[in-house]
Amino acid sequence: MPKGRPQTKSGNLDKVQSFLPDIKPAEYTKTDGNVRYLDGEELARPFDFPNTSRKALLIFLVVAALIGAFFVFQVFDKVFGEPARAQADAEANLAREVSYDWPTLSALMALDDVTILDDFENSGFTMYDRTDEAEHAAGGFDVIKLPGDVSLADAGAMYLEGVNNLSAANAAKLLKGSWTLTVNRNDYVDMNLKYADFDSGSVEAAIQTALNEQGLANSILDDSGVDDAGNTFQSGAVETEDGTYNWRISAISLSSVYDIDGLPDTAVYIGIRMTEQA
C-alpha cells in the first residue's frame, strides 16, 4: 500500500461539491422530538397570478373565443346559410318577369334563313349563335334566344361552363325566358324549338301550353302517348296558306335533361318539331 495521506470520505465529498453549483441548504423549521421537518410555507401560500399575467391570460382567452366563434360561424354558414341563399337566389330568378317570345313555327316554315334571323334581330332578341357550318352546308342554323336580362357575354360564359354544371340560380336565370331553334334544310325543312317550362306545373299542362302558343290547339290531332325515351307526346298536322306541316310536341321532366339540384320538380323540358308534309 502506497504511503501518503489516507483518503477520507469527507475529502471525496469536498471534491464532488466543488463541481456542484452553490445550493442553499434546506431549512428545517419544525421539529417533533428527534424528527425535523422542511419549511413548507412557500407551498402553503395562496397561488395568485400577478396582474400582468392575468391580463395576458384574459386577452388570450378572448382571442381564442373569437377565433373559435369565427370557425363555428363559417361551418354553420357553409352547412345551412349557403344552401339557403342559393335556393333563395334560384327562386328569385324563377319568379322574375321575363318573356319567352316564342316564334310560331308554322309561320317560319316558308321563310329563308336570312329572313328569319333578320326578324329575330328586328324584334330586339339577343341571339347566341352556335351554328355548325359543316352540319348546315345546305342551309339552316342553330341559335339560342336569350332572356332579356342576360347578356351575350354572360350567356357565353355559362354555356362554356356547361348547363349541367351551373348552380340552380344561374340555370334558372339562363333557362327561363330562353329557347333554342334549330333549322335543317337537307331533303326538306325541319325545325326544332326547345325550351324549359317552369310555369305550367306538369307535363300534360306544358304540352297544352305549347299547343296554345303555337296555334295548334285546333289543328289536326294525330298520335299521342309516351315514347321509348319517356317523352309524353302529341302529334298532328296544321294547314297554312303555304302548305301543310306535320308537328310533334314532346315533353319530359326537366330533371331528366339537366341534373341540377334546386330546380323545381314540376319544371318541364319541351321540344316542338315541325316538318314539311311529304
C-alpha atoms as a PDB file:
ATOM      1  CA  MET A   1       0.000   0.000   0.000  1.00  0.00           C
ATOM      2  CA  PRO A   2       1.486   3.347  -1.010  1.00  0.00           C
ATOM      3  CA  LYS A   3       2.463   5.703   1.659  1.00  0.00           C
ATOM      4  CA  GLY A   4       0.925   9.095   1.946  1.00  0.00           C
ATOM      5  CA  ARG A   5      -2.054  10.816   3.319  1.00  0.00           C
ATOM      6  CA  PRO A   6      -5.019   8.487   3.520  1.00  0.00           C
ATOM      7  CA  GLN A   7      -8.151   9.446   1.530  1.00  0.00           C
ATOM      8  CA  THR A   8     -11.147  10.149   3.729  1.00  0.00           C
ATOM      9  CA  LYS A   9     -14.802  10.203   2.895  1.00  0.00           C
ATOM     10  CA  SER A  10     -15.011  13.858   3.709  1.00  0.00           C
ATOM     11  CA  GLY A  11     -12.197  14.579   1.326  1.00  0.00           C
ATOM     12  CA  ASN A  12     -14.061  12.876  -1.523  1.00  0.00           C
ATOM     13  CA  LEU A  13     -17.216  14.816  -0.655  1.00  0.00           C
ATOM     14  CA  ASP A  14     -15.314  18.066  -0.833  1.00  0.00           C
ATOM     15  CA  LYS A  15     -14.143  17.243  -4.348  1.00  0.00           C
ATOM     16  CA  VAL A  16     -17.684  16.387  -5.519  1.00  0.00           C
ATOM     17  CA  GLN A  17     -19.148  19.524  -4.013  1.00  0.00           C
ATOM     18  CA  SER A  18     -16.554  21.642  -5.765  1.00  0.00           C
ATOM     19  CA  PHE A  19     -18.207  20.738  -9.101  1.00  0.00           C
ATOM     20  CA  LEU A  20     -21.777  21.437  -7.941  1.00  0.00           C
ATOM     21  CA  PRO A  21     -23.490  24.846  -8.008  1.00  0.00           C
ATOM     22  CA  ASP A  22     -23.961  26.704  -4.826  1.00  0.00           C
ATOM     23  CA  ILE A  23     -27.075  25.102  -3.314  1.00  0.00           C
ATOM     24  CA  LYS A  24     -28.879  26.750  -0.479  1.00  0.00           C
ATOM     25  CA  PRO A  25     -29.107  24.291   2.378  1.00  0.00           C
ATOM     26  CA  ALA A  26     -32.572  23.143   3.280  1.00  0.00           C
ATOM     27  CA  GLU A  27     -34.149  24.863   6.224  1.00  0.00           C
ATOM     28  CA  TYR A  28     -35.693  22.724   8.902  1.00  0.00           C
ATOM     29  CA  THR A  29     -38.099  24.868  10.848  1.00  0.00           C
ATOM     30  CA  LYS A  30     -40.276  22.346  12.621  1.00  0.00           C
ATOM     31  CA  THR A  31     -39.242  19.579  14.952  1.00  0.00           C
ATOM     32  CA  ASP A  32     -41.144  16.794  16.611  1.00  0.00           C
ATOM     33  CA  GLY A  33     -38.877  15.110  19.065  1.00  0.00           C
ATOM     34  CA  ASN A  34     -35.880  13.962  17.097  1.00  0.00           C
ATOM     35  CA  VAL A  35     -37.660  14.485  13.739  1.00  0.00           C
ATOM     36  CA  ARG A  36     -37.181  17.728  11.863  1.00  0.00           C
ATOM     37  CA  TYR A  37     -39.461  18.933   9.025  1.00  0.00           C
ATOM     38  CA  LEU A  38     -38.618  21.058   5.986  1.00  0.00           C
ATOM     39  CA  ASP A  39     -40.132  24.532   5.702  1.00  0.00           C
ATOM     40  CA  GLY A  40     -43.419  24.208   3.672  1.00  0.00           C
ATOM     41  CA  GLU A  41     -44.503  27.793   3.969  1.00  0.00           C
ATOM     42  CA  GLU A  42     -43.765  28.537   0.292  1.00  0.00           C
ATOM     43  CA  LEU A  43     -46.028  25.707  -0.826  1.00  0.00           C
ATOM     44  CA  ALA A  44     -48.843  26.558   1.568  1.00  0.00           C
ATOM     45  CA  ARG A  45     -49.229  30.168   0.472  1.00  0.00           C
ATOM     46  CA  PRO A  46     -52.153  31.118  -1.874  1.00  0.00           C
ATOM     47  CA  PHE A  47     -51.428  30.708  -5.592  1.00  0.00           C
ATOM     48  CA  ASP A  48     -52.313  34.070  -7.228  1.00  0.00           C
ATOM     49  CA  PHE A  49     -51.471  35.219 -10.762  1.00  0.00           C
ATOM     50  CA  PRO A  50     -49.715  38.545 -10.983  1.00  0.00           C
ATOM     51  CA  ASN A  51     -51.876  41.283 -12.514  1.00  0.00           C
ATOM     52  CA  THR A  52     -49.836  41.363 -15.740  1.00  0.00           C
ATOM     53  CA  SER A  53     -50.225  37.589 -16.144  1.00  0.00           C
ATOM     54  CA  ARG A  54     -53.950  37.844 -15.516  1.00  0.00           C
ATOM     55  CA  LYS A  55     -54.351  40.459 -18.244  1.00  0.00           C
ATOM     56  CA  ALA A  56     -52.319  38.388 -20.713  1.00  0.00           C
ATOM     57  CA  LEU A  57     -54.384  35.280 -19.929  1.00  0.00           C
ATOM     58  CA  LEU A  58     -57.645  37.214 -20.349  1.00  0.00           C
ATOM     59  CA  ILE A  59     -56.540  38.574 -23.729  1.00  0.00           C
ATOM     60  CA  PHE A  60     -55.533  35.083 -24.833  1.00  0.00           C
ATOM     61  CA  LEU A  61     -58.918  33.643 -23.806  1.00  0.00           C
ATOM     62  CA  VAL A  62     -60.827  36.421 -25.600  1.00  0.00           C
ATOM     63  CA  VAL A  63     -58.809  35.943 -28.803  1.00  0.00           C
ATOM     64  CA  ALA A  64     -59.271  32.144 -28.634  1.00  0.00           C
ATOM     65  CA  ALA A  65     -63.027  32.590 -28.122  1.00  0.00           C
ATOM     66  CA  LEU A  66     -63.259  34.937 -31.115  1.00  0.00           C
ATOM     67  CA  ILE A  67     -61.310  32.560 -33.336  1.00  0.00           C
ATOM     68  CA  GLY A  68     -63.477  29.652 -32.221  1.00  0.00           C
ATOM     69  CA  ALA A  69     -66.663  31.629 -32.842  1.00  0.00           C
ATOM     70  CA  PHE A  70     -65.422  32.579 -36.323  1.00  0.00           C
ATOM     71  CA  PHE A  71     -64.792  28.966 -37.295  1.00  0.00           C
ATOM     72  CA  VAL A  72     -68.138  27.846 -35.848  1.00  0.00           C
ATOM     73  CA  PHE A  73     -69.878  30.565 -37.884  1.00  0.00           C
ATOM     74  CA  GLN A  74     -68.021  29.525 -41.040  1.00  0.00           C
ATOM     75  CA  VAL A  75     -69.064  25.891 -40.626  1.00  0.00           C
ATOM     76  CA  PHE A  76     -72.662  26.815 -39.766  1.00  0.00           C
ATOM     77  CA  ASP A  77     -72.867  29.182 -42.731  1.00  0.00           C
ATOM     78  CA  LYS A  78     -71.406  26.554 -45.077  1.00  0.00           C
ATOM     79  CA  VAL A  79     -73.840  23.882 -43.935  1.00  0.00           C
ATOM     80  CA  PHE A  80     -77.011  25.946 -43.520  1.00  0.00           C
ATOM     81  CA  GLY A  81     -76.587  29.524 -44.740  1.00  0.00           C
ATOM     82  CA  GLU A  82     -75.043  28.960 -48.163  1.00  0.00           C
ATOM     83  CA  PRO A  83     -77.625  26.386 -49.393  1.00  0.00           C
ATOM     84  CA  ALA A  84     -80.466  28.599 -48.134  1.00  0.00           C
ATOM     85  CA  ARG A  85     -79.090  31.626 -50.004  1.00  0.00           C
ATOM     86  CA  ALA A  86     -78.568  29.560 -53.163  1.00  0.00           C
ATOM     87  CA  GLN A  87     -82.152  28.297 -53.026  1.00  0.00           C
ATOM     88  CA  ALA A  88     -83.447  31.828 -52.449  1.00  0.00           C
ATOM     89  CA  ASP A  89     -81.463  33.072 -55.477  1.00  0.00           C
ATOM     90  CA  ALA A  90     -82.873  30.281 -57.640  1.00  0.00           C
ATOM     91  CA  GLU A  91     -86.429  31.060 -56.567  1.00  0.00           C
ATOM     92  CA  ALA A  92     -85.898  34.758 -57.225  1.00  0.00           C
ATOM     93  CA  ASN A  93     -84.648  34.041 -60.763  1.00  0.00           C
ATOM     94  CA  LEU A  94     -87.612  31.778 -61.425  1.00  0.00           C
ATOM     95  CA  ALA A  95     -90.061  34.377 -60.111  1.00  0.00           C
ATOM     96  CA  ARG A  96     -88.723  37.229 -62.240  1.00  0.00           C
ATOM     97  CA  GLU A  97     -90.882  38.608 -65.051  1.00  0.00           C
ATOM     98  CA  VAL A  98     -89.271  37.630 -68.333  1.00  0.00           C
ATOM     99  CA  SER A  99     -90.903  36.993 -71.701  1.00  0.00           C
ATOM    100  CA  TYR A 100     -90.204  33.915 -73.825  1.00  0.00           C
ATOM    101  CA  ASP A 101     -91.396  35.457 -77.125  1.00  0.00           C
ATOM    102  CA  TRP A 102     -91.697  32.021 -78.726  1.00  0.00           C
ATOM    103  CA  PRO A 103     -91.634  32.028 -82.536  1.00  0.00           C
ATOM    104  CA  THR A 104     -94.586  30.381 -84.322  1.00  0.00           C
ATOM    105  CA  LEU A 105     -93.019  27.588 -86.315  1.00  0.00           C
ATOM    106  CA  SER A 106     -95.807  27.329 -88.902  1.00  0.00           C
ATOM    107  CA  ALA A 107     -95.160  30.995 -89.777  1.00  0.00           C
ATOM    108  CA  LEU A 108     -91.421  30.362 -90.239  1.00  0.00           C
ATOM    109  CA  MET A 109     -91.572  27.229 -92.382  1.00  0.00           C
ATOM    110  CA  ALA A 110     -91.821  29.080 -95.715  1.00  0.00           C
ATOM    111  CA  LEU A 111     -89.168  31.694 -94.840  1.00  0.00           C
ATOM    112  CA  ASP A 112     -85.449  31.532 -95.647  1.00  0.00           C
ATOM    113  CA  ASP A 113     -82.702  31.698 -93.014  1.00  0.00           C
ATOM    114  CA  VAL A 114     -81.791  35.344 -93.612  1.00  0.00           C
ATOM    115  CA  THR A 115     -85.391  36.492 -93.280  1.00  0.00           C
ATOM    116  CA  ILE A 116     -85.925  34.526 -90.076  1.00  0.00           C
ATOM    117  CA  LEU A 117     -82.765  35.804 -88.423  1.00  0.00           C
ATOM    118  CA  ASP A 118     -83.476  39.373 -89.519  1.00  0.00           C
ATOM    119  CA  ASP A 119     -86.933  39.110 -87.950  1.00  0.00           C
ATOM    120  CA  PHE A 120     -85.342  37.988 -84.673  1.00  0.00           C
ATOM    121  CA  GLU A 121     -82.921  40.909 -84.768  1.00  0.00           C
ATOM    122  CA  ASN A 122     -85.669  43.404 -85.568  1.00  0.00           C
ATOM    123  CA  SER A 123     -87.660  42.039 -82.615  1.00  0.00           C
ATOM    124  CA  GLY A 124     -84.767  43.027 -80.343  1.00  0.00           C
ATOM    125  CA  PHE A 125     -83.825  39.459 -79.402  1.00  0.00           C
ATOM    126  CA  THR A 126     -80.332  38.727 -78.122  1.00  0.00           C
ATOM    127  CA  MET A 127     -79.254  35.629 -80.038  1.00  0.00           C
ATOM    128  CA  TYR A 128     -76.458  33.208 -79.198  1.00  0.00           C
ATOM    129  CA  ASP A 129     -75.366  31.615 -82.485  1.00  0.00           C
ATOM    130  CA  ARG A 130     -73.933  28.122 -82.211  1.00  0.00           C
ATOM    131  CA  THR A 131     -74.393  27.122 -85.862  1.00  0.00           C
ATOM    132  CA  ASP A 132     -72.024  24.466 -87.127  1.00  0.00           C
ATOM    133  CA  GLU A 133     -71.385  25.448 -90.735  1.00  0.00           C
ATOM    134  CA  ALA A 134     -70.314  21.918 -91.650  1.00  0.00           C
ATOM    135  CA  GLU A 135     -73.615  20.489 -90.414  1.00  0.00           C
ATOM    136  CA  HIS A 136     -75.645  23.209 -92.149  1.00  0.00           C
ATOM    137  CA  ALA A 137     -73.941  23.215 -95.525  1.00  0.00           C
ATOM    138  CA  ALA A 138     -77.312  23.066 -97.297  1.00  0.00           C
ATOM    139  CA  GLY A 139     -78.676  25.887 -95.156  1.00  0.00           C
ATOM    140  CA  GLY A 140     -80.174  26.140 -91.715  1.00  0.00           C
ATOM    141  CA  PHE A 141     -78.888  27.360 -88.365  1.00  0.00           C
ATOM    142  CA  ASP A 142     -78.781  26.671 -84.632  1.00  0.00           C
ATOM    143  CA  VAL A 143     -79.431  29.699 -82.379  1.00  0.00           C
ATOM    144  CA  ILE A 144     -80.485  30.388 -78.797  1.00  0.00           C
ATOM    145  CA  LYS A 145     -82.708  33.314 -77.922  1.00  0.00           C
ATOM    146  CA  LEU A 146     -81.522  34.615 -74.525  1.00  0.00           C
ATOM    147  CA  PRO A 147     -83.666  36.057 -71.738  1.00  0.00           C
ATOM    148  CA  GLY A 148     -83.966  39.825 -71.958  1.00  0.00           C
ATOM    149  CA  ASP A 149     -81.897  40.348 -68.791  1.00  0.00           C
ATOM    150  CA  VAL A 150     -78.984  38.051 -69.731  1.00  0.00           C
ATOM    151  CA  SER A 151     -76.126  39.484 -71.782  1.00  0.00           C
ATOM    152  CA  LEU A 152     -74.429  37.636 -74.600  1.00  0.00           C
ATOM    153  CA  ALA A 153     -71.147  37.626 -72.664  1.00  0.00           C
ATOM    154  CA  ASP A 154     -72.748  36.160 -69.534  1.00  0.00           C
ATOM    155  CA  ALA A 155     -74.610  33.537 -71.548  1.00  0.00           C
ATOM    156  CA  GLY A 156     -71.430  32.576 -73.388  1.00  0.00           C
ATOM    157  CA  ALA A 157     -69.613  32.043 -70.094  1.00  0.00           C
ATOM    158  CA  MET A 158     -72.457  29.899 -68.747  1.00  0.00           C
ATOM    159  CA  TYR A 159     -72.705  27.768 -71.885  1.00  0.00           C
ATOM    160  CA  LEU A 160     -68.931  27.377 -71.875  1.00  0.00           C
ATOM    161  CA  GLU A 161     -69.164  26.077 -68.298  1.00  0.00           C
ATOM    162  CA  GLY A 162     -71.950  23.710 -69.334  1.00  0.00           C
ATOM    163  CA  VAL A 163     -75.591  23.987 -68.274  1.00  0.00           C
ATOM    164  CA  ASN A 164     -75.346  20.811 -66.178  1.00  0.00           C
ATOM    165  CA  ASN A 165     -72.510  22.383 -64.185  1.00  0.00           C
ATOM    166  CA  LEU A 166     -74.401  25.583 -63.331  1.00  0.00           C
ATOM    167  CA  SER A 167     -75.891  26.346 -59.938  1.00  0.00           C
ATOM    168  CA  ALA A 168     -79.682  26.254 -59.703  1.00  0.00           C
ATOM    169  CA  ALA A 169     -79.710  30.074 -59.553  1.00  0.00           C
ATOM    170  CA  ASN A 170     -77.652  30.502 -62.737  1.00  0.00           C
ATOM    171  CA  ALA A 171     -79.514  27.727 -64.550  1.00  0.00           C
ATOM    172  CA  ALA A 172     -82.847  29.363 -63.690  1.00  0.00           C
ATOM    173  CA  LYS A 173     -81.535  32.730 -64.880  1.00  0.00           C
ATOM    174  CA  LEU A 174     -80.336  31.262 -68.181  1.00  0.00           C
ATOM    175  CA  LEU A 175     -83.189  28.867 -68.976  1.00  0.00           C
ATOM    176  CA  LYS A 176     -86.247  30.903 -68.041  1.00  0.00           C
ATOM    177  CA  GLY A 177     -87.086  33.134 -70.983  1.00  0.00           C
ATOM    178  CA  SER A 178     -84.787  31.381 -73.462  1.00  0.00           C
ATOM    179  CA  TRP A 179     -85.354  28.930 -76.277  1.00  0.00           C
ATOM    180  CA  THR A 180     -83.311  27.108 -78.910  1.00  0.00           C
ATOM    181  CA  LEU A 181     -84.289  26.975 -82.569  1.00  0.00           C
ATOM    182  CA  THR A 182     -82.558  24.546 -84.914  1.00  0.00           C
ATOM    183  CA  VAL A 183     -83.340  24.598 -88.628  1.00  0.00           C
ATOM    184  CA  ASN A 184     -82.153  21.944 -91.070  1.00  0.00           C
ATOM    185  CA  ARG A 185     -82.604  22.217 -94.845  1.00  0.00           C
ATOM    186  CA  ASN A 186     -81.444  18.965 -96.353  1.00  0.00           C
ATOM    187  CA  ASP A 187     -84.119  16.945 -98.155  1.00  0.00           C
ATOM    188  CA  TYR A 188     -86.860  19.002 -96.508  1.00  0.00           C
ATOM    189  CA  VAL A 189     -87.318  21.810 -93.988  1.00  0.00           C
ATOM    190  CA  ASP A 190     -87.079  20.551 -90.413  1.00  0.00           C
ATOM    191  CA  MET A 191     -87.478  22.959 -87.475  1.00  0.00           C
ATOM    192  CA  ASN A 192     -86.989  22.180 -83.789  1.00  0.00           C
ATOM    193  CA  LEU A 193     -87.894  24.544 -80.960  1.00  0.00           C
ATOM    194  CA  LYS A 194     -86.807  23.600 -77.413  1.00  0.00           C
ATOM    195  CA  TYR A 195     -87.202  25.334 -74.064  1.00  0.00           C
ATOM    196  CA  ALA A 196     -87.775  24.833 -70.327  1.00  0.00           C
ATOM    197  CA  ASP A 197     -91.282  25.426 -68.970  1.00  0.00           C
ATOM    198  CA  PHE A 198     -91.240  26.445 -65.281  1.00  0.00           C
ATOM    199  CA  ASP A 199     -94.822  27.686 -65.051  1.00  0.00           C
ATOM    200  CA  SER A 200     -97.231  25.057 -66.398  1.00  0.00           C
ATOM    201  CA  GLY A 201     -96.702  22.699 -63.468  1.00  0.00           C
ATOM    202  CA  SER A 202     -96.944  19.315 -65.229  1.00  0.00           C
ATOM    203  CA  VAL A 203     -96.012  17.542 -68.442  1.00  0.00           C
ATOM    204  CA  GLU A 204     -99.599  17.495 -69.686  1.00  0.00           C
ATOM    205  CA  ALA A 205    -100.146  21.177 -68.901  1.00  0.00           C
ATOM    206  CA  ALA A 206     -96.857  22.102 -70.613  1.00  0.00           C
ATOM    207  CA  ILE A 207     -97.974  20.310 -73.795  1.00  0.00           C
ATOM    208  CA  GLN A 208    -101.247  22.214 -73.709  1.00  0.00           C
ATOM    209  CA  THR A 209     -99.351  25.487 -73.253  1.00  0.00           C
ATOM    210  CA  ALA A 210     -97.201  24.661 -76.279  1.00  0.00           C
ATOM    211  CA  LEU A 211    -100.280  23.807 -78.364  1.00  0.00           C
ATOM    212  CA  ASN A 212    -101.843  27.161 -77.498  1.00  0.00           C
ATOM    213  CA  GLU A 213     -98.666  29.191 -78.050  1.00  0.00           C
ATOM    214  CA  GLN A 214     -98.066  27.590 -81.458  1.00  0.00           C
ATOM    215  CA  GLY A 215    -101.693  27.947 -82.550  1.00  0.00           C
ATOM    216  CA  LEU A 216    -102.040  24.184 -82.870  1.00  0.00           C
ATOM    217  CA  ALA A 217    -104.838  23.547 -80.377  1.00  0.00           C
ATOM    218  CA  ASN A 218    -107.435  23.444 -83.158  1.00  0.00           C
ATOM    219  CA  SER A 219    -105.251  21.719 -85.733  1.00  0.00           C
ATOM    220  CA  ILE A 220    -105.496  18.084 -86.789  1.00  0.00           C
ATOM    221  CA  LEU A 221    -104.508  15.866 -83.825  1.00  0.00           C
ATOM    222  CA  ASP A 222    -102.927  12.521 -84.525  1.00  0.00           C
ATOM    223  CA  ASP A 223    -100.994  10.101 -82.336  1.00  0.00           C
ATOM    224  CA  SER A 224    -100.220  10.675 -78.643  1.00  0.00           C
ATOM    225  CA  GLY A 225     -98.708   8.763 -75.725  1.00  0.00           C
ATOM    226  CA  VAL A 226     -95.283   8.069 -74.237  1.00  0.00           C
ATOM    227  CA  ASP A 227     -92.332   7.130 -76.451  1.00  0.00           C
ATOM    228  CA  ASP A 228     -89.409   4.806 -75.702  1.00  0.00           C
ATOM    229  CA  ALA A 229     -87.339   7.700 -74.315  1.00  0.00           C
ATOM    230  CA  GLY A 230     -90.000   8.559 -71.728  1.00  0.00           C
ATOM    231  CA  ASN A 231     -91.311  11.630 -73.540  1.00  0.00           C
ATOM    232  CA  THR A 232     -95.025  12.329 -73.390  1.00  0.00           C
ATOM    233  CA  PHE A 233     -96.008  13.490 -76.870  1.00  0.00           C
ATOM    234  CA  GLN A 234     -98.797  14.720 -79.078  1.00  0.00           C
ATOM    235  CA  SER A 235     -98.530  14.838 -82.847  1.00  0.00           C
ATOM    236  CA  GLY A 236    -100.659  16.212 -85.641  1.00  0.00           C
ATOM    237  CA  ALA A 237    -100.743  18.378 -88.741  1.00  0.00           C
ATOM    238  CA  VAL A 238    -101.501  22.026 -89.429  1.00  0.00           C
ATOM    239  CA  GLU A 239    -102.714  23.579 -92.670  1.00  0.00           C
ATOM    240  CA  THR A 240    -101.437  27.030 -93.650  1.00  0.00           C
ATOM    241  CA  GLU A 241    -101.524  29.209 -96.765  1.00  0.00           C
ATOM    242  CA  ASP A 242     -98.007  27.996 -97.595  1.00  0.00           C
ATOM    243  CA  GLY A 243     -98.691  24.298 -97.157  1.00  0.00           C
ATOM    244  CA  THR A 244     -99.455  21.568 -94.641  1.00  0.00           C
ATOM    245  CA  TYR A 245     -96.888  20.737 -91.966  1.00  0.00           C
ATOM    246  CA  ASN A 246     -96.522  17.828 -89.587  1.00  0.00           C
ATOM    247  CA  TRP A 247     -95.774  18.627 -85.976  1.00  0.00           C
ATOM    248  CA  ARG A 248     -94.918  16.793 -82.794  1.00  0.00           C
ATOM    249  CA  ILE A 249     -94.710  18.193 -79.266  1.00  0.00           C
ATOM    250  CA  SER A 250     -92.688  16.197 -76.723  1.00  0.00           C
ATOM    251  CA  ALA A 251     -92.423  16.869 -73.004  1.00  0.00           C
ATOM    252  CA  ILE A 252     -90.385  15.357 -70.202  1.00  0.00           C
ATOM    253  CA  SER A 253     -89.321  16.358 -66.714  1.00  0.00           C
ATOM    254  CA  LEU A 254     -86.522  18.937 -66.835  1.00  0.00           C
ATOM    255  CA  SER A 255     -84.559  16.843 -64.323  1.00  0.00           C
ATOM    256  CA  SER A 256     -84.311  14.120 -66.992  1.00  0.00           C
ATOM    257  CA  VAL A 257     -82.402  16.551 -69.209  1.00  0.00           C
ATOM    258  CA  TYR A 258     -80.366  18.586 -66.699  1.00  0.00           C
ATOM    259  CA  ASP A 259     -79.081  17.147 -63.438  1.00  0.00           C
ATOM    260  CA  ILE A 260     -79.239  20.354 -61.395  1.00  0.00           C
ATOM    261  CA  ASP A 261     -80.256  20.295 -57.726  1.00  0.00           C
ATOM    262  CA  GLY A 262     -82.535  23.112 -56.631  1.00  0.00           C
ATOM    263  CA  LEU A 263     -84.736  23.471 -59.718  1.00  0.00           C
ATOM    264  CA  PRO A 264     -88.440  22.733 -59.190  1.00  0.00           C
ATOM    265  CA  ASP A 265     -89.614  19.153 -59.718  1.00  0.00           C
ATOM    266  CA  THR A 266     -92.534  20.476 -61.765  1.00  0.00           C
ATOM    267  CA  ALA A 267     -90.280  22.039 -64.425  1.00  0.00           C
ATOM    268  CA  VAL A 268     -90.734  20.517 -67.895  1.00  0.00           C
ATOM    269  CA  TYR A 269     -88.498  20.352 -70.960  1.00  0.00           C
ATOM    270  CA  ILE A 270     -90.459  20.916 -74.178  1.00  0.00           C
ATOM    271  CA  GLY A 271     -89.492  20.053 -77.746  1.00  0.00           C
ATOM    272  CA  ILE A 272     -91.583  21.110 -80.755  1.00  0.00           C
ATOM    273  CA  ARG A 273     -90.703  19.711 -84.169  1.00  0.00           C
ATOM    274  CA  MET A 274     -92.303  20.781 -87.444  1.00  0.00           C
ATOM    275  CA  THR A 275     -91.579  19.348 -90.880  1.00  0.00           C
ATOM    276  CA  GLU A 276     -92.894  19.677 -94.397  1.00  0.00           C
ATOM    277  CA  GLN A 277     -95.527  17.108 -95.207  1.00  0.00           C
ATOM    278  CA  ALA A 278     -94.309  14.618 -97.781  1.00  0.00           C
END
